[in-house]
Structures are given as C-alpha cells and as structure tokens.
C-alpha cells in the first residue's frame, strides 16, 4: 500500500511538471546563471542549496565514529549519493 501511494505521488509530480507548471521563460534562472543583477534573496537561497547538504553530511559523518560498521557504511553511501 505504501509503494502504491508513493507511486501516485510521483505520478502527480510528473503530471504537474509536464502539464501544469508554468513555462520556463522566466528570467530568474538565467539571471542567476549569468549573475545579471539577480534578486538578493533569490541569490542567497540559491547559494544555500549547496551549503545545507554539505552541513548535513558533516553532521552525519561526525556521528559515525561510535556506530556499528553497517550503519557507518549506510551514512557514507547516503552522503556520497546526496553530494
């Protein structure tokens, strides 16, 4: 039952992305890439998207020292996959 509900959620995301989402002619992404006077709040949020996973990986790997080896491998795999 859980897998079916997750499948419907993902199908909903795909449906939204293909049929409902606005067209990609907004200038936010192009302003961020070219640094052509982007909004300060948008630039800060875009920059934090790279910092949060790195901080989370540091916290996960720092806590690894006292955990059994199988859980340590799981956190390493998670960190490598996320970054």
PDB file of N, CA and C in Angstrom:
ATOM      1  N   UNK A   1       0.822  -1.198   0.000  1.00  0.00           N
ATOM      2  CA  UNK A   1       0.000   0.000   0.000  1.00  0.00           C
ATOM      3  C   UNK A   1       0.873   1.271   0.000  1.00  0.00           C
ATOM      4  N   UNK A   2       1.983   1.206   0.754  1.00  0.00           N
ATOM      5  CA  UNK A   2       2.861   2.358   0.830  1.00  0.00           C
ATOM      6  C   UNK A   2       3.516   2.640  -0.521  1.00  0.00           C
ATOM      7  N   UNK A   3       3.922   1.584  -1.222  1.00  0.00           N
ATOM      8  CA  UNK A   3       4.555   1.777  -2.534  1.00  0.00           C
ATOM      9  C   UNK A   3       3.571   2.349  -3.552  1.00  0.00           C
ATOM     10  N   UNK A   4       2.341   1.922  -3.476  1.00  0.00           N
ATOM     11  CA  UNK A   4       1.334   2.430  -4.416  1.00  0.00           C
ATOM     12  C   UNK A   4       1.082   3.909  -4.165  1.00  0.00           C
ATOM     13  N   UNK A   5       1.002   4.301  -2.885  1.00  0.00           N
ATOM     14  CA  UNK A   5       0.785   5.717  -2.592  1.00  0.00           C
ATOM     15  C   UNK A   5       1.978   6.565  -3.039  1.00  0.00           C
ATOM     16  N   UNK A   6       3.202   6.055  -2.851  1.00  0.00           N
ATOM     17  CA  UNK A   6       4.378   6.785  -3.332  1.00  0.00           C
ATOM     18  C   UNK A   6       4.394   6.874  -4.856  1.00  0.00           C
ATOM     19  N   UNK A   7       3.950   5.819  -5.516  1.00  0.00           N
ATOM     20  CA  UNK A   7       3.859   5.841  -6.972  1.00  0.00           C
ATOM     21  C   UNK A   7       2.898   6.929  -7.441  1.00  0.00           C
ATOM     22  N   UNK A   8       1.751   7.046  -6.779  1.00  0.00           N
ATOM     23  CA  UNK A   8       0.784   8.073  -7.168  1.00  0.00           C
ATOM     24  C   UNK A   8       1.313   9.483  -6.886  1.00  0.00           C
ATOM     25  N   UNK A   9       2.074   9.628  -5.814  1.00  0.00           N
ATOM     26  CA  UNK A   9       2.668  10.941  -5.539  1.00  0.00           C
ATOM     27  C   UNK A   9       3.652  11.317  -6.639  1.00  0.00           C
ATOM     28  N   UNK A  10       4.514  10.384  -7.049  1.00  0.00           N
ATOM     29  CA  UNK A  10       5.481  10.668  -8.110  1.00  0.00           C
ATOM     30  C   UNK A  10       4.787  10.914  -9.437  1.00  0.00           C
ATOM     31  N   UNK A  11       3.742  10.143  -9.720  1.00  0.00           N
ATOM     32  CA  UNK A  11       2.985  10.391 -10.954  1.00  0.00           C
ATOM     33  C   UNK A  11       2.340  11.768 -10.922  1.00  0.00           C
ATOM     34  N   UNK A  12       1.905  12.204  -9.748  1.00  0.00           N
ATOM     35  CA  UNK A  12       1.363  13.558  -9.604  1.00  0.00           C
ATOM     36  C   UNK A  12       2.415  14.615  -9.871  1.00  0.00           C
ATOM     37  N   UNK A  13       3.637  14.396  -9.368  1.00  0.00           N
ATOM     38  CA  UNK A  13       4.726  15.336  -9.640  1.00  0.00           C
ATOM     39  C   UNK A  13       5.038  15.401 -11.131  1.00  0.00           C
ATOM     40  N   UNK A  14       5.068  14.252 -11.776  1.00  0.00           N
ATOM     41  CA  UNK A  14       5.354  14.217 -13.212  1.00  0.00           C
ATOM     42  C   UNK A  14       4.253  14.918 -13.989  1.00  0.00           C
ATOM     43  N   UNK A  15       3.004  14.666 -13.619  1.00  0.00           N
ATOM     44  CA  UNK A  15       1.876  15.324 -14.286  1.00  0.00           C
ATOM     45  C   UNK A  15       1.980  16.841 -14.128  1.00  0.00           C
ATOM     46  N   UNK A  16       2.293  17.285 -12.916  1.00  0.00           N
ATOM     47  CA  UNK A  16       2.420  18.731 -12.678  1.00  0.00           C
ATOM     48  C   UNK A  16       3.548  19.326 -13.518  1.00  0.00           C
ATOM     49  N   UNK A  17       4.680  18.633 -13.558  1.00  0.00           N
ATOM     50  CA  UNK A  17       5.833  19.161 -14.291  1.00  0.00           C
ATOM     51  C   UNK A  17       5.562  19.248 -15.788  1.00  0.00           C
ATOM     52  N   UNK A  18       4.813  18.295 -16.323  1.00  0.00           N
ATOM     53  CA  UNK A  18       4.596  18.262 -17.766  1.00  0.00           C
ATOM     54  C   UNK A  18       3.431  19.153 -18.192  1.00  0.00           C
ATOM     55  N   UNK A  19       2.328  19.132 -17.443  1.00  0.00           N
ATOM     56  CA  UNK A  19       1.117  19.784 -17.919  1.00  0.00           C
ATOM     57  C   UNK A  19       0.725  21.066 -17.183  1.00  0.00           C
ATOM     58  N   UNK A  20       1.051  21.208 -15.915  1.00  0.00           N
ATOM     59  CA  UNK A  20       0.510  22.304 -15.120  1.00  0.00           C
ATOM     60  C   UNK A  20       1.536  23.403 -14.850  1.00  0.00           C
ATOM     61  N   UNK A  21       2.807  23.051 -14.730  1.00  0.00           N
ATOM     62  CA  UNK A  21       3.835  24.022 -14.357  1.00  0.00           C
ATOM     63  C   UNK A  21       3.933  25.136 -15.393  1.00  0.00           C
ATOM     64  N   UNK A  22       4.257  26.338 -14.938  1.00  0.00           N
ATOM     65  CA  UNK A  22       4.398  27.440 -15.898  1.00  0.00           C
ATOM     66  C   UNK A  22       5.565  27.210 -16.838  1.00  0.00           C
ATOM     67  N   UNK A  23       5.516  27.894 -17.954  1.00  0.00           N
ATOM     68  CA  UNK A  23       6.577  27.724 -18.945  1.00  0.00           C
ATOM     69  C   UNK A  23       7.899  28.248 -18.405  1.00  0.00           C
ATOM     70  N   UNK A  24       8.986  27.813 -18.979  1.00  0.00           N
ATOM     71  CA  UNK A  24      10.309  28.148 -18.479  1.00  0.00           C
ATOM     72  C   UNK A  24      10.882  29.421 -19.035  1.00  0.00           C
ATOM     73  N   UNK A  25      10.067  30.378 -19.425  1.00  0.00           N
ATOM     74  CA  UNK A  25      10.619  31.604 -19.984  1.00  0.00           C
ATOM     75  C   UNK A  25      10.788  32.701 -18.926  1.00  0.00           C
ATOM     76  N   UNK A  26      10.742  32.322 -17.633  1.00  0.00           N
ATOM     77  CA  UNK A  26      11.037  33.280 -16.571  1.00  0.00           C
ATOM     78  C   UNK A  26      12.519  33.585 -16.549  1.00  0.00           C
ATOM     79  N   UNK A  27      12.867  34.760 -16.111  1.00  0.00           N
ATOM     80  CA  UNK A  27      14.264  35.155 -16.200  1.00  0.00           C
ATOM     81  C   UNK A  27      15.043  34.895 -14.917  1.00  0.00           C
ATOM     82  N   UNK A  28      14.423  34.275 -13.914  1.00  0.00           N
ATOM     83  CA  UNK A  28      15.140  34.064 -12.654  1.00  0.00           C
ATOM     84  C   UNK A  28      16.364  33.181 -12.828  1.00  0.00           C
ATOM     85  N   UNK A  29      16.207  32.043 -13.485  1.00  0.00           N
ATOM     86  CA  UNK A  29      17.328  31.125 -13.629  1.00  0.00           C
ATOM     87  C   UNK A  29      18.422  31.721 -14.507  1.00  0.00           C
ATOM     88  N   UNK A  30      18.041  32.363 -15.579  1.00  0.00           N
ATOM     89  CA  UNK A  30      19.063  32.972 -16.443  1.00  0.00           C
ATOM     90  C   UNK A  30      19.774  34.111 -15.731  1.00  0.00           C
ATOM     91  N   UNK A  31      19.072  34.856 -14.856  1.00  0.00           N
ATOM     92  CA  UNK A  31      19.733  35.904 -14.072  1.00  0.00           C
ATOM     93  C   UNK A  31      20.730  35.309 -13.087  1.00  0.00           C
ATOM     94  N   UNK A  32      20.380  34.171 -12.490  1.00  0.00           N
ATOM     95  CA  UNK A  32      21.297  33.541 -11.546  1.00  0.00           C
ATOM     96  C   UNK A  32      22.534  32.990 -12.243  1.00  0.00           C
ATOM     97  N   UNK A  33      22.351  32.401 -13.394  1.00  0.00           N
ATOM     98  CA  UNK A  33      23.483  31.807 -14.102  1.00  0.00           C
ATOM     99  C   UNK A  33      24.445  32.874 -14.607  1.00  0.00           C
ATOM    100  N   UNK A  34      23.915  33.929 -15.168  1.00  0.00           N
ATOM    101  CA  UNK A  34      24.765  34.979 -15.722  1.00  0.00           C
ATOM    102  C   UNK A  34      25.138  36.057 -14.707  1.00  0.00           C
ATOM    103  N   UNK A  35      24.554  35.989 -13.501  1.00  0.00           N
ATOM    104  CA  UNK A  35      24.762  36.998 -12.443  1.00  0.00           C
ATOM    105  C   UNK A  35      24.437  38.399 -12.964  1.00  0.00           C
ATOM    106  N   UNK A  36      23.383  38.483 -13.709  1.00  0.00           N
ATOM    107  CA  UNK A  36      22.961  39.740 -14.310  1.00  0.00           C
ATOM    108  C   UNK A  36      21.927  40.403 -13.393  1.00  0.00           C
ATOM    109  N   UNK A  37      22.374  41.035 -12.326  1.00  0.00           N
ATOM    110  CA  UNK A  37      21.540  41.732 -11.347  1.00  0.00           C
ATOM    111  C   UNK A  37      20.430  40.838 -10.790  1.00  0.00           C
ATOM    112  N   UNK A  38      20.785  39.693 -10.157  1.00  0.00           N
ATOM    113  CA  UNK A  38      19.735  38.846  -9.585  1.00  0.00           C
ATOM    114  C   UNK A  38      19.208  39.451  -8.289  1.00  0.00           C
ATOM    115  N   UNK A  39      18.028  39.052  -7.905  1.00  0.00           N
ATOM    116  CA  UNK A  39      17.436  39.457  -6.642  1.00  0.00           C
ATOM    117  C   UNK A  39      18.308  38.927  -5.496  1.00  0.00           C
ATOM    118  N   UNK A  40      18.538  39.717  -4.478  1.00  0.00           N
ATOM    119  CA  UNK A  40      19.447  39.326  -3.395  1.00  0.00           C
ATOM    120  C   UNK A  40      18.923  38.111  -2.622  1.00  0.00           C
ATOM    121  N   UNK A  41      17.624  38.074  -2.351  1.00  0.00           N
ATOM    122  CA  UNK A  41      17.048  36.936  -1.634  1.00  0.00           C
ATOM    123  C   UNK A  41      17.127  35.656  -2.444  1.00  0.00           C
ATOM    124  N   UNK A  42      16.896  35.764  -3.728  1.00  0.00           N
ATOM    125  CA  UNK A  42      16.975  34.601  -4.605  1.00  0.00           C
ATOM    126  C   UNK A  42      18.409  34.097  -4.710  1.00  0.00           C
ATOM    127  N   UNK A  43      19.359  34.991  -4.770  1.00  0.00           N
ATOM    128  CA  UNK A  43      20.764  34.601  -4.818  1.00  0.00           C
ATOM    129  C   UNK A  43      21.183  33.912  -3.520  1.00  0.00           C
ATOM    130  N   UNK A  44      20.706  34.413  -2.378  1.00  0.00           N
ATOM    131  CA  UNK A  44      21.037  33.802  -1.087  1.00  0.00           C
ATOM    132  C   UNK A  44      20.447  32.397  -0.995  1.00  0.00           C
ATOM    133  N   UNK A  45      19.212  32.210  -1.417  1.00  0.00           N
ATOM    134  CA  UNK A  45      18.582  30.890  -1.354  1.00  0.00           C
ATOM    135  C   UNK A  45      19.273  29.923  -2.307  1.00  0.00           C
ATOM    136  N   UNK A  46      19.643  30.392  -3.473  1.00  0.00           N
ATOM    137  CA  UNK A  46      20.339  29.549  -4.444  1.00  0.00           C
ATOM    138  C   UNK A  46      21.691  29.105  -3.898  1.00  0.00           C
ATOM    139  N   UNK A  47      22.372  29.983  -3.190  1.00  0.00           N
ATOM    140  CA  UNK A  47      23.666  29.644  -2.600  1.00  0.00           C
ATOM    141  C   UNK A  47      23.511  28.659  -1.449  1.00  0.00           C
ATOM    142  N   UNK A  48      22.462  28.803  -0.646  1.00  0.00           N
ATOM    143  CA  UNK A  48      22.240  27.914   0.490  1.00  0.00           C
ATOM    144  C   UNK A  48      21.865  26.502   0.058  1.00  0.00           C
ATOM    145  N   UNK A  49      21.378  26.341  -1.139  1.00  0.00           N
ATOM    146  CA  UNK A  49      21.032  24.999  -1.619  1.00  0.00           C
ATOM    147  C   UNK A  49      22.251  24.105  -1.709  1.00  0.00           C
ATOM    148  N   UNK A  50      23.425  24.649  -1.837  1.00  0.00           N
ATOM    149  CA  UNK A  50      24.641  23.855  -1.846  1.00  0.00           C
ATOM    150  C   UNK A  50      25.256  23.701  -0.469  1.00  0.00           C
ATOM    151  N   UNK A  51      24.955  24.616   0.436  1.00  0.00           N
ATOM    152  CA  UNK A  51      25.560  24.573   1.759  1.00  0.00           C
ATOM    153  C   UNK A  51      24.840  23.595   2.678  1.00  0.00           C
ATOM    154  N   UNK A  52      23.515  23.540   2.622  1.00  0.00           N
ATOM    155  CA  UNK A  52      22.757  22.672   3.527  1.00  0.00           C
ATOM    156  C   UNK A  52      23.106  21.193   3.390  1.00  0.00           C
ATOM    157  N   UNK A  53      23.216  20.626   2.197  1.00  0.00           N
ATOM    158  CA  UNK A  53      23.613  19.212   2.122  1.00  0.00           C
ATOM    159  C   UNK A  53      25.017  18.961   2.648  1.00  0.00           C
ATOM    160  N   UNK A  54      25.922  19.901   2.461  1.00  0.00           N
ATOM    161  CA  UNK A  54      27.284  19.720   2.969  1.00  0.00           C
ATOM    162  C   UNK A  54      27.303  19.726   4.497  1.00  0.00           C
ATOM    163  N   UNK A  55      26.555  20.613   5.115  1.00  0.00           N
ATOM    164  CA  UNK A  55      26.480  20.654   6.584  1.00  0.00           C
ATOM    165  C   UNK A  55      25.831  19.375   7.110  1.00  0.00           C
ATOM    166  N   UNK A  56      24.793  18.914   6.454  1.00  0.00           N
ATOM    167  CA  UNK A  56      24.125  17.685   6.872  1.00  0.00           C
ATOM    168  C   UNK A  56      25.069  16.494   6.751  1.00  0.00           C
ATOM    169  N   UNK A  57      25.868  16.440   5.705  1.00  0.00           N
ATOM    170  CA  UNK A  57      26.838  15.353   5.540  1.00  0.00           C
ATOM    171  C   UNK A  57      27.895  15.399   6.638  1.00  0.00           C
ATOM    172  N   UNK A  58      28.343  16.593   7.001  1.00  0.00           N
ATOM    173  CA  UNK A  58      29.322  16.719   8.078  1.00  0.00           C
ATOM    174  C   UNK A  58      28.735  16.206   9.390  1.00  0.00           C
ATOM    175  N   UNK A  59      27.496  16.559   9.666  1.00  0.00           N
ATOM    176  CA  UNK A  59      26.862  16.084  10.892  1.00  0.00           C
ATOM    177  C   UNK A  59      26.686  14.573  10.885  1.00  0.00           C
ATOM    178  N   UNK A  60      26.319  14.014   9.770  1.00  0.00           N
ATOM    179  CA  UNK A  60      26.141  12.563   9.684  1.00  0.00           C
ATOM    180  C   UNK A  60      27.460  11.827   9.858  1.00  0.00           C
ATOM    181  N   UNK A  61      28.488  12.287   9.198  1.00  0.00           N
ATOM    182  CA  UNK A  61      29.759  11.580   9.243  1.00  0.00           C
ATOM    183  C   UNK A  61      30.489  11.787  10.564  1.00  0.00           C
ATOM    184  N   UNK A  62      30.245  12.882  11.226  1.00  0.00           N
ATOM    185  CA  UNK A  62      30.863  13.111  12.529  1.00  0.00           C
ATOM    186  C   UNK A  62      30.274  12.165  13.570  1.00  0.00           C
ATOM    187  N   UNK A  63      28.998  11.873  13.459  1.00  0.00           N
ATOM    188  CA  UNK A  63      28.332  10.977  14.394  1.00  0.00           C
ATOM    189  C   UNK A  63      28.629   9.517  14.090  1.00  0.00           C
ATOM    190  N   UNK A  64      29.355   9.251  13.017  1.00  0.00           N
ATOM    191  CA  UNK A  64      29.638   7.880  12.586  1.00  0.00           C
ATOM    192  C   UNK A  64      30.615   7.146  13.487  1.00  0.00           C
ATOM    193  N   UNK A  65      31.405   7.860  14.252  1.00  0.00           N
ATOM    194  CA  UNK A  65      32.514   7.223  14.952  1.00  0.00           C
ATOM    195  C   UNK A  65      32.071   6.191  15.980  1.00  0.00           C
ATOM    196  N   UNK A  66      30.927   6.343  16.606  1.00  0.00           N
ATOM    197  CA  UNK A  66      30.507   5.399  17.628  1.00  0.00           C
ATOM    198  C   UNK A  66      29.465   4.408  17.166  1.00  0.00           C
ATOM    199  N   UNK A  67      29.202   4.337  15.870  1.00  0.00           N
ATOM    200  CA  UNK A  67      28.138   3.489  15.341  1.00  0.00           C
ATOM    201  C   UNK A  67      28.749   2.211  14.773  1.00  0.00           C
ATOM    202  N   UNK A  68      27.931   1.166  14.724  1.00  0.00           N
ATOM    203  CA  UNK A  68      28.419  -0.089  14.145  1.00  0.00           C
ATOM    204  C   UNK A  68      28.795   0.112  12.677  1.00  0.00           C
ATOM    205  N   UNK A  69      29.573  -0.804  12.140  1.00  0.00           N
ATOM    206  CA  UNK A  69      30.126  -0.633  10.795  1.00  0.00           C
ATOM    207  C   UNK A  69      29.054  -0.644   9.709  1.00  0.00           C
ATOM    208  N   UNK A  70      27.983  -1.404   9.876  1.00  0.00           N
ATOM    209  CA  UNK A  70      26.952  -1.439   8.836  1.00  0.00           C
ATOM    210  C   UNK A  70      26.224  -0.109   8.739  1.00  0.00           C
ATOM    211  N   UNK A  71      25.972   0.543   9.864  1.00  0.00           N
ATOM    212  CA  UNK A  71      25.336   1.856   9.820  1.00  0.00           C
ATOM    213  C   UNK A  71      26.296   2.917   9.312  1.00  0.00           C
ATOM    214  N   UNK A  72      27.577   2.748   9.596  1.00  0.00           N
ATOM    215  CA  UNK A  72      28.568   3.704   9.103  1.00  0.00           C
ATOM    216  C   UNK A  72      28.638   3.659   7.584  1.00  0.00           C
ATOM    217  N   UNK A  73      28.565   2.473   7.017  1.00  0.00           N
ATOM    218  CA  UNK A  73      28.567   2.348   5.557  1.00  0.00           C
ATOM    219  C   UNK A  73      27.327   2.995   4.970  1.00  0.00           C
ATOM    220  N   UNK A  74      26.182   2.829   5.627  1.00  0.00           N
ATOM    221  CA  UNK A  74      24.940   3.434   5.127  1.00  0.00           C
ATOM    222  C   UNK A  74      25.031   4.955   5.104  1.00  0.00           C
ATOM    223  N   UNK A  75      25.607   5.545   6.140  1.00  0.00           N
ATOM    224  CA  UNK A  75      25.696   7.002   6.143  1.00  0.00           C
ATOM    225  C   UNK A  75      26.706   7.502   5.111  1.00  0.00           C
ATOM    226  N   UNK A  76      27.788   6.768   4.872  1.00  0.00           N
ATOM    227  CA  UNK A  76      28.738   7.141   3.822  1.00  0.00           C
ATOM    228  C   UNK A  76      28.073   7.078   2.454  1.00  0.00           C
ATOM    229  N   UNK A  77      27.323   6.019   2.197  1.00  0.00           N
ATOM    230  CA  UNK A  77      26.633   5.892   0.915  1.00  0.00           C
ATOM    231  C   UNK A  77      25.619   7.010   0.736  1.00  0.00           C
ATOM    232  N   UNK A  78      24.905   7.341   1.810  1.00  0.00           N
ATOM    233  CA  UNK A  78      23.915   8.427   1.741  1.00  0.00           C
ATOM    234  C   UNK A  78      24.597   9.754   1.418  1.00  0.00           C
ATOM    235  N   UNK A  79      25.710  10.029   2.072  1.00  0.00           N
ATOM    236  CA  UNK A  79      26.412  11.290   1.842  1.00  0.00           C
ATOM    237  C   UNK A  79      26.980  11.388   0.440  1.00  0.00           C
ATOM    238  N   UNK A  80      27.541  10.298  -0.042  1.00  0.00           N
ATOM    239  CA  UNK A  80      28.092  10.308  -1.403  1.00  0.00           C
ATOM    240  C   UNK A  80      26.976  10.488  -2.415  1.00  0.00           C
ATOM    241  N   UNK A  81      25.852   9.854  -2.199  1.00  0.00           N
ATOM    242  CA  UNK A  81      24.718   9.960  -3.117  1.00  0.00           C
ATOM    243  C   UNK A  81      24.118  11.367  -3.121  1.00  0.00           C
ATOM    244  N   UNK A  82      24.070  12.005  -1.969  1.00  0.00           N
ATOM    245  CA  UNK A  82      23.461  13.335  -1.875  1.00  0.00           C
ATOM    246  C   UNK A  82      24.347  14.437  -2.425  1.00  0.00           C
ATOM    247  N   UNK A  83      25.648  14.271  -2.314  1.00  0.00           N
ATOM    248  CA  UNK A  83      26.534  15.332  -2.775  1.00  0.00           C
ATOM    249  C   UNK A  83      26.874  15.087  -4.206  1.00  0.00           C
TER     250      UNK A  83
END
